[in-house]
Amino acid sequence: MANNLHVKRGDTVVVLTGKDKDKKGEVLKVFPKKNRVIVKNVNMVTKHVKPSMANKEGGIVHQEAPINASNVMLYCTKCNKPTRIAHKILADGSKVRVCKHCNETF
């Protein structure tokens, strides 16, 4: 199991495989131990919810389900295409993620 993922919460990603292939979305949540991510408006499922104090009506709720992190690729807004990333260490010693195509930092 991988503990470090190539994407973080807030990144824009493109889905590579599955029913939502080529969809772009923002990473809402990351589960590094399970190697899964939740992407906004991707892998939508219907969930039947019972009425409770928080949700008085209950009913059918549409929500995102996790997908495998290997099925998403970081999207570079400068190149306007999915990209692999490189890790570079700056002069001040901080690590940054860099686009392989245009050297844009993330």
C-alpha atoms as a PDB file:
ATOM      1  CA  MET A   1       0.000   0.000   0.000  1.00  0.00           C
ATOM      2  CA  ALA A   2       1.241   3.440  -0.908  1.00  0.00           C
ATOM      3  CA  ASN A   3       1.187   6.196   1.693  1.00  0.00           C
ATOM      4  CA  ASN A   4       2.164   9.002  -0.682  1.00  0.00           C
ATOM      5  CA  LEU A   5      -0.120   9.848  -3.590  1.00  0.00           C
ATOM      6  CA  HIS A   6       0.639  11.943  -6.652  1.00  0.00           C
ATOM      7  CA  VAL A   7      -2.489  14.064  -6.057  1.00  0.00           C
ATOM      8  CA  LYS A   8      -3.577  16.207  -3.122  1.00  0.00           C
ATOM      9  CA  ARG A   9      -6.869  17.700  -1.988  1.00  0.00           C
ATOM     10  CA  GLY A  10      -7.753  20.665  -4.206  1.00  0.00           C
ATOM     11  CA  ASP A  11      -5.870  19.453  -7.304  1.00  0.00           C
ATOM     12  CA  THR A  12      -7.615  19.394 -10.671  1.00  0.00           C
ATOM     13  CA  VAL A  13      -7.443  15.914 -12.192  1.00  0.00           C
ATOM     14  CA  VAL A  14      -8.614  14.033 -15.286  1.00  0.00           C
ATOM     15  CA  VAL A  15     -10.120  10.540 -15.023  1.00  0.00           C
ATOM     16  CA  LEU A  16      -8.249   8.076 -17.252  1.00  0.00           C
ATOM     17  CA  THR A  17     -10.517   5.001 -17.210  1.00  0.00           C
ATOM     18  CA  GLY A  18     -14.015   3.837 -16.409  1.00  0.00           C
ATOM     19  CA  LYS A  19     -17.486   5.240 -17.009  1.00  0.00           C
ATOM     20  CA  ASP A  20     -16.317   8.799 -16.240  1.00  0.00           C
ATOM     21  CA  LYS A  21     -13.303   8.726 -18.586  1.00  0.00           C
ATOM     22  CA  ASP A  22     -12.007  12.182 -19.677  1.00  0.00           C
ATOM     23  CA  LYS A  23     -13.993  14.026 -16.992  1.00  0.00           C
ATOM     24  CA  LYS A  24     -12.188  16.809 -15.145  1.00  0.00           C
ATOM     25  CA  GLY A  25     -12.797  17.566 -11.495  1.00  0.00           C
ATOM     26  CA  GLU A  26     -11.354  18.748  -8.222  1.00  0.00           C
ATOM     27  CA  VAL A  27     -10.058  16.260  -5.657  1.00  0.00           C
ATOM     28  CA  LEU A  28     -12.333  16.592  -2.624  1.00  0.00           C
ATOM     29  CA  LYS A  29     -10.824  13.948  -0.356  1.00  0.00           C
ATOM     30  CA  VAL A  30      -7.782  11.660  -0.354  1.00  0.00           C
ATOM     31  CA  PHE A  31      -7.426   8.251   1.302  1.00  0.00           C
ATOM     32  CA  PRO A  32      -3.684   7.454   1.040  1.00  0.00           C
ATOM     33  CA  LYS A  33      -3.818   4.145   2.939  1.00  0.00           C
ATOM     34  CA  LYS A  34      -6.522   2.827   0.598  1.00  0.00           C
ATOM     35  CA  ASN A  35      -4.964   4.509  -2.485  1.00  0.00           C
ATOM     36  CA  ARG A  36      -8.290   6.165  -3.313  1.00  0.00           C
ATOM     37  CA  VAL A  37      -9.547   9.678  -4.051  1.00  0.00           C
ATOM     38  CA  ILE A  38     -12.949  11.348  -4.270  1.00  0.00           C
ATOM     39  CA  VAL A  39     -13.308  13.656  -7.277  1.00  0.00           C
ATOM     40  CA  LYS A  40     -16.103  16.226  -7.605  1.00  0.00           C
ATOM     41  CA  ASN A  41     -18.952  15.028  -9.892  1.00  0.00           C
ATOM     42  CA  VAL A  42     -17.137  11.772 -10.766  1.00  0.00           C
ATOM     43  CA  ASN A  43     -18.346   8.241  -9.924  1.00  0.00           C
ATOM     44  CA  MET A  44     -21.735   9.477  -8.696  1.00  0.00           C
ATOM     45  CA  VAL A  45     -23.762   6.880  -6.799  1.00  0.00           C
ATOM     46  CA  THR A  46     -27.277   6.932  -5.367  1.00  0.00           C
ATOM     47  CA  LYS A  47     -27.565   6.312  -1.658  1.00  0.00           C
ATOM     48  CA  HIS A  48     -30.829   5.646   0.162  1.00  0.00           C
ATOM     49  CA  VAL A  49     -30.855   7.581   3.431  1.00  0.00           C
ATOM     50  CA  LYS A  50     -33.230   7.012   6.332  1.00  0.00           C
ATOM     51  CA  PRO A  51     -34.767  10.059   7.996  1.00  0.00           C
ATOM     52  CA  SER A  52     -32.756  11.273  10.998  1.00  0.00           C
ATOM     53  CA  MET A  53     -32.429  14.343  13.175  1.00  0.00           C
ATOM     54  CA  ALA A  54     -29.922  15.873  10.768  1.00  0.00           C
ATOM     55  CA  ASN A  55     -31.812  14.886   7.603  1.00  0.00           C
ATOM     56  CA  LYS A  56     -35.516  14.987   8.431  1.00  0.00           C
ATOM     57  CA  GLU A  57     -36.736  13.931   4.985  1.00  0.00           C
ATOM     58  CA  GLY A  58     -34.354  11.119   4.109  1.00  0.00           C
ATOM     59  CA  GLY A  59     -34.783   9.768   0.582  1.00  0.00           C
ATOM     60  CA  ILE A  60     -32.356   9.243  -2.264  1.00  0.00           C
ATOM     61  CA  VAL A  61     -29.074  11.172  -2.166  1.00  0.00           C
ATOM     62  CA  HIS A  62     -26.571  11.428  -5.033  1.00  0.00           C
ATOM     63  CA  GLN A  63     -22.941  11.561  -3.886  1.00  0.00           C
ATOM     64  CA  GLU A  64     -19.412  10.887  -5.100  1.00  0.00           C
ATOM     65  CA  ALA A  65     -17.796   7.528  -4.382  1.00  0.00           C
ATOM     66  CA  PRO A  66     -14.018   6.959  -4.141  1.00  0.00           C
ATOM     67  CA  ILE A  67     -12.031   5.824  -7.186  1.00  0.00           C
ATOM     68  CA  ASN A  68      -8.530   4.404  -7.361  1.00  0.00           C
ATOM     69  CA  ALA A  69      -5.837   7.070  -7.407  1.00  0.00           C
ATOM     70  CA  SER A  70      -4.085   5.314 -10.296  1.00  0.00           C
ATOM     71  CA  ASN A  71      -7.091   6.133 -12.501  1.00  0.00           C
ATOM     72  CA  VAL A  72      -6.591   9.899 -12.247  1.00  0.00           C
ATOM     73  CA  MET A  73      -3.880  12.148 -13.646  1.00  0.00           C
ATOM     74  CA  LEU A  74      -3.021  15.678 -12.617  1.00  0.00           C
ATOM     75  CA  TYR A  75      -4.290  18.346 -15.050  1.00  0.00           C
ATOM     76  CA  CYS A  76      -1.967  21.230 -15.905  1.00  0.00           C
ATOM     77  CA  THR A  77      -3.902  24.456 -16.468  1.00  0.00           C
ATOM     78  CA  LYS A  78      -0.982  26.050 -18.333  1.00  0.00           C
ATOM     79  CA  CYS A  79      -0.608  23.211 -20.898  1.00  0.00           C
ATOM     80  CA  ASN A  80      -4.357  22.388 -20.823  1.00  0.00           C
ATOM     81  CA  LYS A  81      -3.651  18.657 -20.758  1.00  0.00           C
ATOM     82  CA  PRO A  82      -3.108  15.835 -18.249  1.00  0.00           C
ATOM     83  CA  THR A  83       0.484  15.545 -17.125  1.00  0.00           C
ATOM     84  CA  ARG A  84       2.865  13.480 -15.095  1.00  0.00           C
ATOM     85  CA  ILE A  85       4.687  15.294 -12.338  1.00  0.00           C
ATOM     86  CA  ALA A  86       8.288  15.611 -11.254  1.00  0.00           C
ATOM     87  CA  HIS A  87       9.511  16.570  -7.807  1.00  0.00           C
ATOM     88  CA  LYS A  88      12.073  19.350  -7.596  1.00  0.00           C
ATOM     89  CA  ILE A  89      13.873  20.859  -4.632  1.00  0.00           C
ATOM     90  CA  LEU A  90      14.093  24.643  -4.724  1.00  0.00           C
ATOM     91  CA  ALA A  91      17.055  26.737  -3.546  1.00  0.00           C
ATOM     92  CA  ASP A  92      15.396  27.340  -0.178  1.00  0.00           C
ATOM     93  CA  GLY A  93      15.097  23.581   0.380  1.00  0.00           C
ATOM     94  CA  SER A  94      11.341  23.221  -0.197  1.00  0.00           C
ATOM     95  CA  LYS A  95       9.981  20.443  -2.396  1.00  0.00           C
ATOM     96  CA  VAL A  96       7.521  21.275  -5.190  1.00  0.00           C
ATOM     97  CA  ARG A  97       5.638  19.284  -7.806  1.00  0.00           C
ATOM     98  CA  VAL A  98       6.391  20.315 -11.392  1.00  0.00           C
ATOM     99  CA  CYS A  99       4.665  19.614 -14.732  1.00  0.00           C
ATOM    100  CA  LYS A 100       6.812  17.400 -16.972  1.00  0.00           C
ATOM    101  CA  HIS A 101       5.767  19.348 -20.101  1.00  0.00           C
ATOM    102  CA  CYS A 102       5.974  23.038 -19.163  1.00  0.00           C
ATOM    103  CA  ASN A 103       7.710  23.085 -15.734  1.00  0.00           C
ATOM    104  CA  GLU A 104       4.708  24.780 -14.106  1.00  0.00           C
ATOM    105  CA  THR A 105       4.681  24.268 -10.320  1.00  0.00           C
ATOM    106  CA  PHE A 106       1.666  22.873  -8.485  1.00  0.00           C
END
